[in-house]
Amino acid sequence: MRRYAKPIVVADDLDLLQGRTTGVVTLPPHLDWSGAADYDVDAPAGSSISTELS
């Protein structure tokens, strides 16, 4: 079992999640350390990443 330094936040209700559902999302550096923080939500990989980060 892995222990995390920070608690993981999960929405109680998916209807509470907000954010873009189309286009490009640019994440701030504290959420994306890869240096390529732009994600196309319309692309299959981009939509799965934005869902994980919502």
PDB file of N, CA and C in Angstrom:
ATOM      1  N   MET A   1       0.845  -1.181   0.000  1.00  0.00           N
ATOM      2  CA  MET A   1       0.000   0.000   0.000  1.00  0.00           C
ATOM      3  C   MET A   1       0.887   1.239   0.000  1.00  0.00           C
ATOM      4  N   ARG A   2       0.622   2.131  -0.915  1.00  0.00           N
ATOM      5  CA  ARG A   2       1.412   3.353  -1.009  1.00  0.00           C
ATOM      6  C   ARG A   2       0.793   4.455  -0.164  1.00  0.00           C
ATOM      7  N   ARG A   3       1.623   5.162   0.530  1.00  0.00           N
ATOM      8  CA  ARG A   3       1.148   6.291   1.340  1.00  0.00           C
ATOM      9  C   ARG A   3       1.500   7.584   0.625  1.00  0.00           C
ATOM     10  N   TYR A   4       0.569   8.490   0.563  1.00  0.00           N
ATOM     11  CA  TYR A   4       0.761   9.771  -0.099  1.00  0.00           C
ATOM     12  C   TYR A   4       0.990  10.868   0.937  1.00  0.00           C
ATOM     13  N   ALA A   5       1.833  11.818   0.571  1.00  0.00           N
ATOM     14  CA  ALA A   5       2.129  12.920   1.476  1.00  0.00           C
ATOM     15  C   ALA A   5       0.926  13.851   1.616  1.00  0.00           C
ATOM     16  N   LYS A   6       0.140  13.986   0.539  1.00  0.00           N
ATOM     17  CA  LYS A   6      -1.035  14.854   0.556  1.00  0.00           C
ATOM     18  C   LYS A   6      -2.281  14.001   0.361  1.00  0.00           C
ATOM     19  N   PRO A   7      -3.389  14.419   0.976  1.00  0.00           N
ATOM     20  CA  PRO A   7      -4.622  13.649   0.780  1.00  0.00           C
ATOM     21  C   PRO A   7      -5.117  13.777  -0.663  1.00  0.00           C
ATOM     22  N   ILE A   8      -5.778  12.741  -1.139  1.00  0.00           N
ATOM     23  CA  ILE A   8      -6.356  12.756  -2.476  1.00  0.00           C
ATOM     24  C   ILE A   8      -7.796  13.208  -2.366  1.00  0.00           C
ATOM     25  N   VAL A   9      -8.167  14.217  -3.150  1.00  0.00           N
ATOM     26  CA  VAL A   9      -9.509  14.774  -3.112  1.00  0.00           C
ATOM     27  C   VAL A   9     -10.339  14.153  -4.228  1.00  0.00           C
ATOM     28  N   VAL A  10     -11.505  13.647  -3.863  1.00  0.00           N
ATOM     29  CA  VAL A  10     -12.416  13.040  -4.821  1.00  0.00           C
ATOM     30  C   VAL A  10     -13.788  13.673  -4.636  1.00  0.00           C
ATOM     31  N   ALA A  11     -14.426  14.066  -5.742  1.00  0.00           N
ATOM     32  CA  ALA A  11     -15.749  14.686  -5.667  1.00  0.00           C
ATOM     33  C   ALA A  11     -16.786  13.677  -5.170  1.00  0.00           C
ATOM     34  N   ASP A  12     -17.682  14.131  -4.305  1.00  0.00           N
ATOM     35  CA  ASP A  12     -18.767  13.277  -3.822  1.00  0.00           C
ATOM     36  C   ASP A  12     -19.790  13.009  -4.923  1.00  0.00           C
ATOM     37  N   ASP A  13     -19.914  13.964  -5.844  1.00  0.00           N
ATOM     38  CA  ASP A  13     -20.905  13.871  -6.912  1.00  0.00           C
ATOM     39  C   ASP A  13     -20.262  14.370  -8.208  1.00  0.00           C
ATOM     40  N   LEU A  14     -20.288  13.567  -9.263  1.00  0.00           N
ATOM     41  CA  LEU A  14     -19.657  13.970 -10.525  1.00  0.00           C
ATOM     42  C   LEU A  14     -20.294  15.208 -11.123  1.00  0.00           C
ATOM     43  N   ASP A  15     -21.541  15.516 -10.769  1.00  0.00           N
ATOM     44  CA  ASP A  15     -22.195  16.734 -11.258  1.00  0.00           C
ATOM     45  C   ASP A  15     -21.536  17.994 -10.693  1.00  0.00           C
ATOM     46  N   LEU A  16     -20.750  17.858  -9.641  1.00  0.00           N
ATOM     47  CA  LEU A  16     -20.055  18.993  -9.052  1.00  0.00           C
ATOM     48  C   LEU A  16     -18.803  19.388  -9.839  1.00  0.00           C
ATOM     49  N   LEU A  17     -18.309  18.482 -10.689  1.00  0.00           N
ATOM     50  CA  LEU A  17     -17.100  18.767 -11.459  1.00  0.00           C
ATOM     51  C   LEU A  17     -17.390  19.827 -12.517  1.00  0.00           C
ATOM     52  N   GLN A  18     -16.470  20.762 -12.654  1.00  0.00           N
ATOM     53  CA  GLN A  18     -16.622  21.840 -13.616  1.00  0.00           C
ATOM     54  C   GLN A  18     -15.357  21.940 -14.441  1.00  0.00           C
ATOM     55  N   GLY A  19     -15.485  22.511 -15.606  1.00  0.00           N
ATOM     56  CA  GLY A  19     -14.314  22.698 -16.442  1.00  0.00           C
ATOM     57  C   GLY A  19     -14.666  22.561 -17.901  1.00  0.00           C
ATOM     58  N   ARG A  20     -13.672  22.750 -18.716  1.00  0.00           N
ATOM     59  CA  ARG A  20     -13.871  22.688 -20.156  1.00  0.00           C
ATOM     60  C   ARG A  20     -14.183  21.271 -20.598  1.00  0.00           C
ATOM     61  N   THR A  21     -15.030  21.184 -21.603  1.00  0.00           N
ATOM     62  CA  THR A  21     -15.348  19.881 -22.180  1.00  0.00           C
ATOM     63  C   THR A  21     -14.906  19.802 -23.635  1.00  0.00           C
ATOM     64  N   THR A  22     -14.329  20.876 -24.146  1.00  0.00           N
ATOM     65  CA  THR A  22     -13.829  20.909 -25.512  1.00  0.00           C
ATOM     66  C   THR A  22     -12.680  21.911 -25.595  1.00  0.00           C
ATOM     67  N   GLY A  23     -11.815  21.751 -26.583  1.00  0.00           N
ATOM     68  CA  GLY A  23     -10.703  22.689 -26.765  1.00  0.00           C
ATOM     69  C   GLY A  23      -9.448  22.259 -26.041  1.00  0.00           C
ATOM     70  N   VAL A  24      -8.586  23.232 -25.802  1.00  0.00           N
ATOM     71  CA  VAL A  24      -7.285  22.968 -25.170  1.00  0.00           C
ATOM     72  C   VAL A  24      -7.284  23.507 -23.744  1.00  0.00           C
ATOM     73  N   VAL A  25      -6.826  22.687 -22.831  1.00  0.00           N
ATOM     74  CA  VAL A  25      -6.700  23.072 -21.425  1.00  0.00           C
ATOM     75  C   VAL A  25      -5.213  23.205 -21.124  1.00  0.00           C
ATOM     76  N   THR A  26      -4.819  24.320 -20.510  1.00  0.00           N
ATOM     77  CA  THR A  26      -3.431  24.531 -20.102  1.00  0.00           C
ATOM     78  C   THR A  26      -3.367  24.469 -18.579  1.00  0.00           C
ATOM     79  N   LEU A  27      -2.618  23.513 -18.089  1.00  0.00           N
ATOM     80  CA  LEU A  27      -2.504  23.335 -16.651  1.00  0.00           C
ATOM     81  C   LEU A  27      -1.368  24.179 -16.092  1.00  0.00           C
ATOM     82  N   PRO A  28      -1.539  24.695 -14.864  1.00  0.00           N
ATOM     83  CA  PRO A  28      -0.462  25.451 -14.227  1.00  0.00           C
ATOM     84  C   PRO A  28       0.692  24.509 -13.851  1.00  0.00           C
ATOM     85  N   PRO A  29       1.883  25.062 -13.691  1.00  0.00           N
ATOM     86  CA  PRO A  29       3.071  24.237 -13.405  1.00  0.00           C
ATOM     87  C   PRO A  29       2.941  23.335 -12.174  1.00  0.00           C
ATOM     88  N   HIS A  30       2.210  23.757 -11.162  1.00  0.00           N
ATOM     89  CA  HIS A  30       2.112  22.916  -9.968  1.00  0.00           C
ATOM     90  C   HIS A  30       1.243  21.669 -10.200  1.00  0.00           C
ATOM     91  N   LEU A  31       0.498  21.607 -11.315  1.00  0.00           N
ATOM     92  CA  LEU A  31      -0.286  20.422 -11.645  1.00  0.00           C
ATOM     93  C   LEU A  31       0.353  19.568 -12.731  1.00  0.00           C
ATOM     94  N   ASP A  32       1.194  20.176 -13.550  1.00  0.00           N
ATOM     95  CA  ASP A  32       1.822  19.435 -14.642  1.00  0.00           C
ATOM     96  C   ASP A  32       3.287  19.802 -14.705  1.00  0.00           C
ATOM     97  N   TRP A  33       4.139  18.878 -14.333  1.00  0.00           N
ATOM     98  CA  TRP A  33       5.578  19.135 -14.285  1.00  0.00           C
ATOM     99  C   TRP A  33       6.286  18.736 -15.561  1.00  0.00           C
ATOM    100  N   SER A  34       5.544  18.253 -16.563  1.00  0.00           N
ATOM    101  CA  SER A  34       6.173  17.712 -17.768  1.00  0.00           C
ATOM    102  C   SER A  34       6.761  18.784 -18.679  1.00  0.00           C
ATOM    103  N   GLY A  35       6.309  20.023 -18.533  1.00  0.00           N
ATOM    104  CA  GLY A  35       6.751  21.082 -19.435  1.00  0.00           C
ATOM    105  C   GLY A  35       5.859  21.210 -20.655  1.00  0.00           C
ATOM    106  N   ALA A  36       4.978  20.252 -20.872  1.00  0.00           N
ATOM    107  CA  ALA A  36       4.003  20.294 -21.962  1.00  0.00           C
ATOM    108  C   ALA A  36       2.621  20.284 -21.324  1.00  0.00           C
ATOM    109  N   ALA A  37       2.208  21.427 -20.809  1.00  0.00           N
ATOM    110  CA  ALA A  37       1.006  21.500 -19.984  1.00  0.00           C
ATOM    111  C   ALA A  37      -0.274  21.745 -20.772  1.00  0.00           C
ATOM    112  N   ASP A  38      -0.215  21.695 -22.111  1.00  0.00           N
ATOM    113  CA  ASP A  38      -1.408  21.905 -22.937  1.00  0.00           C
ATOM    114  C   ASP A  38      -2.000  20.546 -23.310  1.00  0.00           C
ATOM    115  N   TYR A  39      -3.281  20.368 -23.047  1.00  0.00           N
ATOM    116  CA  TYR A  39      -3.970  19.117 -23.349  1.00  0.00           C
ATOM    117  C   TYR A  39      -5.202  19.411 -24.185  1.00  0.00           C
ATOM    118  N   ASP A  40      -5.333  18.712 -25.303  1.00  0.00           N
ATOM    119  CA  ASP A  40      -6.498  18.840 -26.174  1.00  0.00           C
ATOM    120  C   ASP A  40      -7.583  17.922 -25.631  1.00  0.00           C
ATOM    121  N   VAL A  41      -8.626  18.516 -25.071  1.00  0.00           N
ATOM    122  CA  VAL A  41      -9.695  17.747 -24.453  1.00  0.00           C
ATOM    123  C   VAL A  41     -10.460  16.939 -25.499  1.00  0.00           C
ATOM    124  N   ASP A  42     -10.444  17.382 -26.761  1.00  0.00           N
ATOM    125  CA  ASP A  42     -11.145  16.660 -27.822  1.00  0.00           C
ATOM    126  C   ASP A  42     -10.422  15.379 -28.238  1.00  0.00           C
ATOM    127  N   ALA A  43      -9.131  15.276 -27.961  1.00  0.00           N
ATOM    128  CA  ALA A  43      -8.353  14.084 -28.293  1.00  0.00           C
ATOM    129  C   ALA A  43      -8.598  13.021 -27.222  1.00  0.00           C
ATOM    130  N   PRO A  44      -8.638  11.744 -27.592  1.00  0.00           N
ATOM    131  CA  PRO A  44      -8.894  10.694 -26.587  1.00  0.00           C
ATOM    132  C   PRO A  44      -7.954  10.746 -25.382  1.00  0.00           C
ATOM    133  N   ALA A  45      -6.674  10.931 -25.589  1.00  0.00           N
ATOM    134  CA  ALA A  45      -5.732  10.991 -24.458  1.00  0.00           C
ATOM    135  C   ALA A  45      -5.947  12.255 -23.632  1.00  0.00           C
ATOM    136  N   GLY A  46      -6.231  13.374 -24.269  1.00  0.00           N
ATOM    137  CA  GLY A  46      -6.452  14.629 -23.558  1.00  0.00           C
ATOM    138  C   GLY A  46      -7.681  14.589 -22.682  1.00  0.00           C
ATOM    139  N   SER A  47      -8.740  13.950 -23.161  1.00  0.00           N
ATOM    140  CA  SER A  47      -9.959  13.891 -22.359  1.00  0.00           C
ATOM    141  C   SER A  47      -9.782  13.000 -21.141  1.00  0.00           C
ATOM    142  N   SER A  48      -9.012  11.936 -21.254  1.00  0.00           N
ATOM    143  CA  SER A  48      -8.805  11.086 -20.085  1.00  0.00           C
ATOM    144  C   SER A  48      -7.937  11.786 -19.049  1.00  0.00           C
ATOM    145  N   ILE A  49      -6.960  12.532 -19.500  1.00  0.00           N
ATOM    146  CA  ILE A  49      -6.097  13.275 -18.567  1.00  0.00           C
ATOM    147  C   ILE A  49      -6.898  14.349 -17.862  1.00  0.00           C
ATOM    148  N   SER A  50      -7.730  15.107 -18.601  1.00  0.00           N
ATOM    149  CA  SER A  50      -8.499  16.176 -17.960  1.00  0.00           C
ATOM    150  C   SER A  50      -9.501  15.603 -16.967  1.00  0.00           C
ATOM    151  N   THR A  51     -10.048  14.410 -17.235  1.00  0.00           N
ATOM    152  CA  THR A  51     -10.950  13.774 -16.297  1.00  0.00           C
ATOM    153  C   THR A  51     -10.211  13.401 -15.017  1.00  0.00           C
ATOM    154  N   GLU A  52      -9.001  12.895 -15.146  1.00  0.00           N
ATOM    155  CA  GLU A  52      -8.230  12.520 -13.971  1.00  0.00           C
ATOM    156  C   GLU A  52      -7.879  13.731 -13.127  1.00  0.00           C
ATOM    157  N   LEU A  53      -7.714  14.881 -13.765  1.00  0.00           N
ATOM    158  CA  LEU A  53      -7.284  16.080 -13.050  1.00  0.00           C
ATOM    159  C   LEU A  53      -8.434  16.926 -12.560  1.00  0.00           C
ATOM    160  N   SER A  54      -9.625  16.640 -12.976  1.00  0.00           N
ATOM    161  CA  SER A  54     -10.797  17.430 -12.576  1.00  0.00           C
ATOM    162  C   SER A  54     -11.089  17.266 -11.120  1.00  0.00           C
TER     163      SER A  54
END
